[in-house]
Amino acid sequence: MKQSILFFCLLVFLSCEKSTQEPEPEQPKNEVTINGNVFSTIDIGSQTWTSEGYFGSTGAGPYADGSWSYTIDRMKEIVPPAGWRIPTKADVEKLFKFAGATNGWTPLQETYGEYLNVPKPVTVTDHGTQFKAGNDVAIKLMAGPWEFINASNSLGFNAVLLEGKQAEFWCTDDGLTTFSFYTNAEEKAVVVIKHLPEINKQGSKYLYKKAGIRFVKDK
């Protein structure tokens, strides 16, 4: 009888101890932790994006906004948390279309010259495709001081000027695929996805190219 009472008391004690344990704190809805660093996020349409550039120990930087740039090899080494990914060109196309883009993909002939720190620069012309949208789409996604435009950043993507007159980010499609924001006197503001499927066959010179990184997940 005494053993039964002791056993019952032990069960009560264990259940009480379990109920008093603090639950794991949930990450705020508008933040995500990636490799130990916290990044702000924003819901845009059916997607959730990080609203600031990635920074880590294997990149080059920092830029004025605190973000870093990465080569394509370094980009591929980054492992996002569950549910998140570095965007594909389809992800970015969905973002641009939500912002109002009605364009389609068109042929692209791009000539690449020297890159910083490339030991033996080469120039290669490669045929790819591009998805391009203009000022009315761009200003909804761009923030901060840009030449030729007043960026509204009304969708909260927060694309800020990173280098020169543009901000460029990686996509994870085969080849060399990036999406970028830039301004000029003629077009004012432009957003474009460029996909060069044969770029990796042209040699290692292009592995020196650097771009920023954003992350996306489906809502």
C-alpha atoms as a PDB file:
ATOM      1  CA  MET A   1       0.000   0.000   0.000  1.00  0.00           C
ATOM      2  CA  LYS A   2       2.819   2.362   0.958  1.00  0.00           C
ATOM      3  CA  GLN A   3       4.565   1.607  -2.335  1.00  0.00           C
ATOM      4  CA  SER A   4       1.400   2.511  -4.271  1.00  0.00           C
ATOM      5  CA  ILE A   5       1.102   5.830  -2.446  1.00  0.00           C
ATOM      6  CA  LEU A   6       4.766   6.665  -3.088  1.00  0.00           C
ATOM      7  CA  PHE A   7       4.410   5.819  -6.777  1.00  0.00           C
ATOM      8  CA  PHE A   8       1.304   8.021  -7.043  1.00  0.00           C
ATOM      9  CA  CYS A   9       3.099  10.937  -5.359  1.00  0.00           C
ATOM     10  CA  LEU A  10       6.021  10.559  -7.758  1.00  0.00           C
ATOM     11  CA  LEU A  11       3.702  10.751 -10.763  1.00  0.00           C
ATOM     12  CA  VAL A  12       2.032  13.892  -9.374  1.00  0.00           C
ATOM     13  CA  PHE A  13       5.441  15.504  -8.747  1.00  0.00           C
ATOM     14  CA  LEU A  14       6.707  14.758 -12.267  1.00  0.00           C
ATOM     15  CA  SER A  15       3.534  16.066 -13.934  1.00  0.00           C
ATOM     16  CA  CYS A  16       3.683  19.281 -11.885  1.00  0.00           C
ATOM     17  CA  GLU A  17       7.358  19.785 -12.764  1.00  0.00           C
ATOM     18  CA  LYS A  18       6.614  19.305 -16.471  1.00  0.00           C
ATOM     19  CA  SER A  19       3.702  21.758 -16.404  1.00  0.00           C
ATOM     20  CA  THR A  20       5.852  24.484 -14.822  1.00  0.00           C
ATOM     21  CA  GLN A  21       8.573  24.330 -17.492  1.00  0.00           C
ATOM     22  CA  GLU A  22       8.688  27.448 -19.651  1.00  0.00           C
ATOM     23  CA  PRO A  23       7.765  26.821 -23.314  1.00  0.00           C
ATOM     24  CA  GLU A  24      10.328  27.591 -26.000  1.00  0.00           C
ATOM     25  CA  PRO A  25       9.927  31.224 -27.097  1.00  0.00           C
ATOM     26  CA  GLU A  26       8.508  31.578 -30.582  1.00  0.00           C
ATOM     27  CA  GLN A  27      10.345  33.700 -33.155  1.00  0.00           C
ATOM     28  CA  PRO A  28       8.478  36.956 -33.867  1.00  0.00           C
ATOM     29  CA  LYS A  29       6.395  36.750 -37.048  1.00  0.00           C
ATOM     30  CA  ASN A  30       8.424  39.449 -38.781  1.00  0.00           C
ATOM     31  CA  GLU A  31      11.851  37.944 -38.082  1.00  0.00           C
ATOM     32  CA  VAL A  32      13.874  34.876 -39.032  1.00  0.00           C
ATOM     33  CA  THR A  33      17.165  33.616 -37.606  1.00  0.00           C
ATOM     34  CA  ILE A  34      19.616  32.397 -40.246  1.00  0.00           C
ATOM     35  CA  ASN A  35      22.966  30.971 -39.162  1.00  0.00           C
ATOM     36  CA  GLY A  36      22.767  32.781 -35.837  1.00  0.00           C
ATOM     37  CA  ASN A  37      21.798  36.211 -37.210  1.00  0.00           C
ATOM     38  CA  VAL A  38      18.309  37.757 -37.035  1.00  0.00           C
ATOM     39  CA  PHE A  39      16.794  39.259 -40.200  1.00  0.00           C
ATOM     40  CA  SER A  40      13.612  41.271 -40.646  1.00  0.00           C
ATOM     41  CA  THR A  41      10.942  39.816 -42.933  1.00  0.00           C
ATOM     42  CA  ILE A  42       7.994  41.162 -44.912  1.00  0.00           C
ATOM     43  CA  ASP A  43       4.897  39.479 -46.382  1.00  0.00           C
ATOM     44  CA  ILE A  44       4.435  40.351 -50.063  1.00  0.00           C
ATOM     45  CA  GLY A  45       1.554  38.616 -51.794  1.00  0.00           C
ATOM     46  CA  SER A  46       1.789  34.862 -51.244  1.00  0.00           C
ATOM     47  CA  GLN A  47       5.460  35.065 -50.246  1.00  0.00           C
ATOM     48  CA  THR A  48       7.502  36.110 -47.217  1.00  0.00           C
ATOM     49  CA  TRP A  49      10.879  37.745 -47.979  1.00  0.00           C
ATOM     50  CA  THR A  50      13.769  38.869 -45.847  1.00  0.00           C
ATOM     51  CA  SER A  51      13.723  42.650 -46.059  1.00  0.00           C
ATOM     52  CA  GLU A  52      17.460  43.104 -45.569  1.00  0.00           C
ATOM     53  CA  GLY A  53      20.540  41.594 -47.169  1.00  0.00           C
ATOM     54  CA  TYR A  54      22.273  38.542 -45.715  1.00  0.00           C
ATOM     55  CA  PHE A  55      25.559  38.950 -43.875  1.00  0.00           C
ATOM     56  CA  GLY A  56      27.947  36.243 -42.742  1.00  0.00           C
ATOM     57  CA  SER A  57      31.594  35.317 -42.382  1.00  0.00           C
ATOM     58  CA  THR A  58      32.257  34.128 -45.953  1.00  0.00           C
ATOM     59  CA  GLY A  59      31.213  37.235 -47.870  1.00  0.00           C
ATOM     60  CA  ALA A  60      32.733  40.575 -48.819  1.00  0.00           C
ATOM     61  CA  GLY A  61      31.598  43.686 -47.026  1.00  0.00           C
ATOM     62  CA  PRO A  62      29.889  45.150 -45.265  1.00  0.00           C
ATOM     63  CA  TYR A  63      27.962  47.638 -47.394  1.00  0.00           C
ATOM     64  CA  ALA A  64      26.324  50.712 -45.877  1.00  0.00           C
ATOM     65  CA  ASP A  65      23.196  48.709 -44.965  1.00  0.00           C
ATOM     66  CA  GLY A  66      25.240  46.042 -43.186  1.00  0.00           C
ATOM     67  CA  SER A  67      24.809  43.365 -45.870  1.00  0.00           C
ATOM     68  CA  TRP A  68      27.589  41.445 -47.622  1.00  0.00           C
ATOM     69  CA  SER A  69      28.126  40.093 -51.139  1.00  0.00           C
ATOM     70  CA  TYR A  70      29.035  36.534 -52.076  1.00  0.00           C
ATOM     71  CA  THR A  71      30.487  34.539 -54.947  1.00  0.00           C
ATOM     72  CA  ILE A  72      28.273  31.882 -56.484  1.00  0.00           C
ATOM     73  CA  ASP A  73      30.203  29.120 -54.687  1.00  0.00           C
ATOM     74  CA  ARG A  74      29.826  30.815 -51.297  1.00  0.00           C
ATOM     75  CA  MET A  75      26.138  31.381 -51.972  1.00  0.00           C
ATOM     76  CA  LYS A  76      25.619  27.665 -52.576  1.00  0.00           C
ATOM     77  CA  GLU A  77      27.195  26.845 -49.194  1.00  0.00           C
ATOM     78  CA  ILE A  78      24.556  28.780 -47.231  1.00  0.00           C
ATOM     79  CA  VAL A  79      21.853  26.568 -45.699  1.00  0.00           C
ATOM     80  CA  PRO A  80      18.605  28.440 -44.901  1.00  0.00           C
ATOM     81  CA  PRO A  81      16.338  27.305 -42.049  1.00  0.00           C
ATOM     82  CA  ALA A  82      13.440  24.947 -42.728  1.00  0.00           C
ATOM     83  CA  GLY A  83      10.863  26.413 -45.099  1.00  0.00           C
ATOM     84  CA  TRP A  84      13.185  29.149 -46.363  1.00  0.00           C
ATOM     85  CA  ARG A  85      15.284  29.230 -49.542  1.00  0.00           C
ATOM     86  CA  ILE A  86      17.470  31.490 -51.624  1.00  0.00           C
ATOM     87  CA  PRO A  87      15.045  32.454 -54.430  1.00  0.00           C
ATOM     88  CA  THR A  88      14.773  30.962 -57.879  1.00  0.00           C
ATOM     89  CA  LYS A  89      14.001  33.136 -60.874  1.00  0.00           C
ATOM     90  CA  ALA A  90      10.374  31.915 -60.596  1.00  0.00           C
ATOM     91  CA  ASP A  91      10.212  33.293 -57.043  1.00  0.00           C
ATOM     92  CA  VAL A  92      11.477  36.692 -58.175  1.00  0.00           C
ATOM     93  CA  GLU A  93       9.159  36.725 -61.199  1.00  0.00           C
ATOM     94  CA  LYS A  94       6.227  36.165 -58.811  1.00  0.00           C
ATOM     95  CA  LEU A  95       7.447  39.098 -56.686  1.00  0.00           C
ATOM     96  CA  PHE A  96       7.739  41.392 -59.703  1.00  0.00           C
ATOM     97  CA  LYS A  97       4.310  40.394 -61.007  1.00  0.00           C
ATOM     98  CA  PHE A  98       2.719  41.077 -57.635  1.00  0.00           C
ATOM     99  CA  ALA A  99       4.273  44.536 -57.843  1.00  0.00           C
ATOM    100  CA  GLY A 100       2.559  45.021 -61.196  1.00  0.00           C
ATOM    101  CA  ALA A 101       4.927  43.657 -63.851  1.00  0.00           C
ATOM    102  CA  THR A 102       3.172  42.434 -66.998  1.00  0.00           C
ATOM    103  CA  ASN A 103       6.256  41.706 -69.087  1.00  0.00           C
ATOM    104  CA  GLY A 104       7.411  38.318 -70.301  1.00  0.00           C
ATOM    105  CA  TRP A 105      10.820  36.735 -70.747  1.00  0.00           C
ATOM    106  CA  THR A 106      12.877  38.017 -73.681  1.00  0.00           C
ATOM    107  CA  PRO A 107      16.196  36.942 -75.251  1.00  0.00           C
ATOM    108  CA  LEU A 108      19.325  38.391 -73.696  1.00  0.00           C
ATOM    109  CA  GLN A 109      22.777  38.757 -75.159  1.00  0.00           C
ATOM    110  CA  GLU A 110      25.169  39.812 -72.427  1.00  0.00           C
ATOM    111  CA  THR A 111      28.868  40.591 -72.760  1.00  0.00           C
ATOM    112  CA  TYR A 112      30.867  40.222 -69.555  1.00  0.00           C
ATOM    113  CA  GLY A 113      34.281  41.823 -69.202  1.00  0.00           C
ATOM    114  CA  GLU A 114      36.681  42.119 -66.323  1.00  0.00           C
ATOM    115  CA  TYR A 115      35.719  41.524 -62.727  1.00  0.00           C
ATOM    116  CA  LEU A 116      37.599  42.777 -59.707  1.00  0.00           C
ATOM    117  CA  ASN A 117      40.411  40.408 -58.662  1.00  0.00           C
ATOM    118  CA  VAL A 118      40.072  38.149 -61.717  1.00  0.00           C
ATOM    119  CA  PRO A 119      43.637  37.078 -62.545  1.00  0.00           C
ATOM    120  CA  LYS A 120      43.087  36.636 -66.288  1.00  0.00           C
ATOM    121  CA  PRO A 121      39.987  38.578 -67.407  1.00  0.00           C
ATOM    122  CA  VAL A 122      38.088  37.313 -70.406  1.00  0.00           C
ATOM    123  CA  THR A 123      35.064  38.566 -72.299  1.00  0.00           C
ATOM    124  CA  VAL A 124      32.344  36.080 -73.172  1.00  0.00           C
ATOM    125  CA  THR A 125      29.106  36.671 -75.021  1.00  0.00           C
ATOM    126  CA  ASP A 126      26.375  34.292 -73.908  1.00  0.00           C
ATOM    127  CA  HIS A 127      22.746  34.068 -74.891  1.00  0.00           C
ATOM    128  CA  GLY A 128      20.252  33.885 -72.067  1.00  0.00           C
ATOM    129  CA  THR A 129      16.908  35.377 -71.106  1.00  0.00           C
ATOM    130  CA  GLN A 130      15.706  38.304 -69.034  1.00  0.00           C
ATOM    131  CA  PHE A 131      12.522  39.409 -67.292  1.00  0.00           C
ATOM    132  CA  LYS A 132      12.476  43.191 -67.068  1.00  0.00           C
ATOM    133  CA  ALA A 133      10.075  45.654 -65.450  1.00  0.00           C
ATOM    134  CA  GLY A 134      10.163  49.413 -65.268  1.00  0.00           C
ATOM    135  CA  ASN A 135       9.779  52.384 -62.993  1.00  0.00           C
ATOM    136  CA  ASP A 136       6.235  51.731 -61.712  1.00  0.00           C
ATOM    137  CA  VAL A 137       7.246  48.288 -60.421  1.00  0.00           C
ATOM    138  CA  ALA A 138      10.743  49.193 -59.244  1.00  0.00           C
ATOM    139  CA  ILE A 139       9.821  52.090 -56.966  1.00  0.00           C
ATOM    140  CA  LYS A 140       7.474  49.844 -54.945  1.00  0.00           C
ATOM    141  CA  LEU A 141      10.421  47.594 -54.042  1.00  0.00           C
ATOM    142  CA  MET A 142      13.262  50.123 -53.716  1.00  0.00           C
ATOM    143  CA  ALA A 143      14.096  52.180 -50.617  1.00  0.00           C
ATOM    144  CA  GLY A 144      16.463  54.944 -49.666  1.00  0.00           C
ATOM    145  CA  PRO A 145      18.295  57.442 -51.857  1.00  0.00           C
ATOM    146  CA  TRP A 146      18.450  56.398 -55.499  1.00  0.00           C
ATOM    147  CA  GLU A 147      19.443  58.705 -58.345  1.00  0.00           C
ATOM    148  CA  PHE A 148      16.662  59.752 -60.778  1.00  0.00           C
ATOM    149  CA  ILE A 149      13.740  58.422 -58.669  1.00  0.00           C
ATOM    150  CA  ASN A 150      11.834  58.842 -55.432  1.00  0.00           C
ATOM    151  CA  ALA A 151      11.563  55.264 -54.215  1.00  0.00           C
ATOM    152  CA  SER A 152       8.363  54.592 -52.255  1.00  0.00           C
ATOM    153  CA  ASN A 153       9.174  51.048 -51.005  1.00  0.00           C
ATOM    154  CA  SER A 154       5.414  50.639 -50.623  1.00  0.00           C
ATOM    155  CA  LEU A 155       5.680  46.825 -50.595  1.00  0.00           C
ATOM    156  CA  GLY A 156       8.473  46.838 -48.013  1.00  0.00           C
ATOM    157  CA  PHE A 157      11.055  44.798 -49.957  1.00  0.00           C
ATOM    158  CA  ASN A 158      13.588  47.481 -49.037  1.00  0.00           C
ATOM    159  CA  ALA A 159      16.039  47.185 -51.936  1.00  0.00           C
ATOM    160  CA  VAL A 160      18.732  49.731 -51.098  1.00  0.00           C
ATOM    161  CA  LEU A 161      21.623  50.941 -53.196  1.00  0.00           C
ATOM    162  CA  LEU A 162      24.542  48.574 -52.588  1.00  0.00           C
ATOM    163  CA  GLU A 163      27.263  49.337 -55.093  1.00  0.00           C
ATOM    164  CA  GLY A 164      27.644  51.831 -57.932  1.00  0.00           C
ATOM    165  CA  LYS A 165      24.092  52.473 -59.134  1.00  0.00           C
ATOM    166  CA  GLN A 166      22.537  49.083 -58.508  1.00  0.00           C
ATOM    167  CA  ALA A 167      21.668  46.340 -56.052  1.00  0.00           C
ATOM    168  CA  GLU A 168      22.099  42.768 -57.316  1.00  0.00           C
ATOM    169  CA  PHE A 169      21.103  39.473 -55.686  1.00  0.00           C
ATOM    170  CA  TRP A 170      21.631  35.783 -56.473  1.00  0.00           C
ATOM    171  CA  CYS A 171      19.064  33.245 -57.659  1.00  0.00           C
ATOM    172  CA  THR A 172      19.745  29.526 -57.298  1.00  0.00           C
ATOM    173  CA  ASP A 173      18.923  28.424 -60.866  1.00  0.00           C
ATOM    174  CA  ASP A 174      21.549  26.610 -62.923  1.00  0.00           C
ATOM    175  CA  GLY A 175      24.111  28.827 -64.603  1.00  0.00           C
ATOM    176  CA  LEU A 176      24.426  32.430 -63.495  1.00  0.00           C
ATOM    177  CA  THR A 177      21.097  33.972 -62.525  1.00  0.00           C
ATOM    178  CA  THR A 178      20.642  37.232 -60.634  1.00  0.00           C
ATOM    179  CA  PHE A 179      17.984  39.857 -60.069  1.00  0.00           C
ATOM    180  CA  SER A 180      18.922  43.487 -59.788  1.00  0.00           C
ATOM    181  CA  PHE A 181      17.613  47.002 -59.238  1.00  0.00           C
ATOM    182  CA  TYR A 182      19.212  50.001 -60.939  1.00  0.00           C
ATOM    183  CA  THR A 183      18.500  53.517 -62.128  1.00  0.00           C
ATOM    184  CA  ASN A 184      19.463  55.613 -65.130  1.00  0.00           C
ATOM    185  CA  ALA A 185      18.428  58.905 -66.678  1.00  0.00           C
ATOM    186  CA  GLU A 186      16.483  57.289 -69.543  1.00  0.00           C
ATOM    187  CA  GLU A 187      14.511  54.525 -67.808  1.00  0.00           C
ATOM    188  CA  LYS A 188      14.533  56.047 -64.292  1.00  0.00           C
ATOM    189  CA  ALA A 189      14.243  52.786 -62.319  1.00  0.00           C
ATOM    190  CA  VAL A 190      14.486  49.202 -63.567  1.00  0.00           C
ATOM    191  CA  VAL A 191      14.217  45.734 -62.056  1.00  0.00           C
ATOM    192  CA  VAL A 192      15.450  42.762 -64.049  1.00  0.00           C
ATOM    193  CA  ILE A 193      16.092  39.030 -63.714  1.00  0.00           C
ATOM    194  CA  LYS A 194      18.959  37.780 -65.899  1.00  0.00           C
ATOM    195  CA  HIS A 195      19.478  34.091 -66.569  1.00  0.00           C
ATOM    196  CA  LEU A 196      22.627  32.890 -68.353  1.00  0.00           C
ATOM    197  CA  PRO A 197      22.367  29.095 -68.549  1.00  0.00           C
ATOM    198  CA  GLU A 198      25.770  28.432 -70.117  1.00  0.00           C
ATOM    199  CA  ILE A 199      27.880  30.614 -67.860  1.00  0.00           C
ATOM    200  CA  ASN A 200      29.440  27.814 -65.822  1.00  0.00           C
ATOM    201  CA  LYS A 201      30.806  26.251 -69.000  1.00  0.00           C
ATOM    202  CA  GLN A 202      32.852  29.357 -69.746  1.00  0.00           C
ATOM    203  CA  GLY A 203      35.459  28.689 -67.071  1.00  0.00           C
ATOM    204  CA  SER A 204      36.156  29.670 -63.504  1.00  0.00           C
ATOM    205  CA  LYS A 205      36.599  33.407 -64.193  1.00  0.00           C
ATOM    206  CA  TYR A 206      32.918  34.020 -63.469  1.00  0.00           C
ATOM    207  CA  LEU A 207      33.153  32.477 -60.031  1.00  0.00           C
ATOM    208  CA  TYR A 208      34.636  35.804 -58.887  1.00  0.00           C
ATOM    209  CA  LYS A 209      31.371  37.640 -59.506  1.00  0.00           C
ATOM    210  CA  LYS A 210      29.685  38.711 -56.253  1.00  0.00           C
ATOM    211  CA  ALA A 211      26.065  39.559 -55.435  1.00  0.00           C
ATOM    212  CA  GLY A 212      23.892  39.963 -52.354  1.00  0.00           C
ATOM    213  CA  ILE A 213      21.480  37.385 -50.944  1.00  0.00           C
ATOM    214  CA  ARG A 214      17.822  37.523 -49.908  1.00  0.00           C
ATOM    215  CA  PHE A 215      15.667  34.633 -48.674  1.00  0.00           C
ATOM    216  CA  VAL A 216      12.046  33.725 -49.402  1.00  0.00           C
ATOM    217  CA  LYS A 217       9.398  31.249 -48.282  1.00  0.00           C
ATOM    218  CA  ASP A 218       5.799  30.550 -49.228  1.00  0.00           C
ATOM    219  CA  LYS A 219       3.182  31.848 -46.807  1.00  0.00           C
END
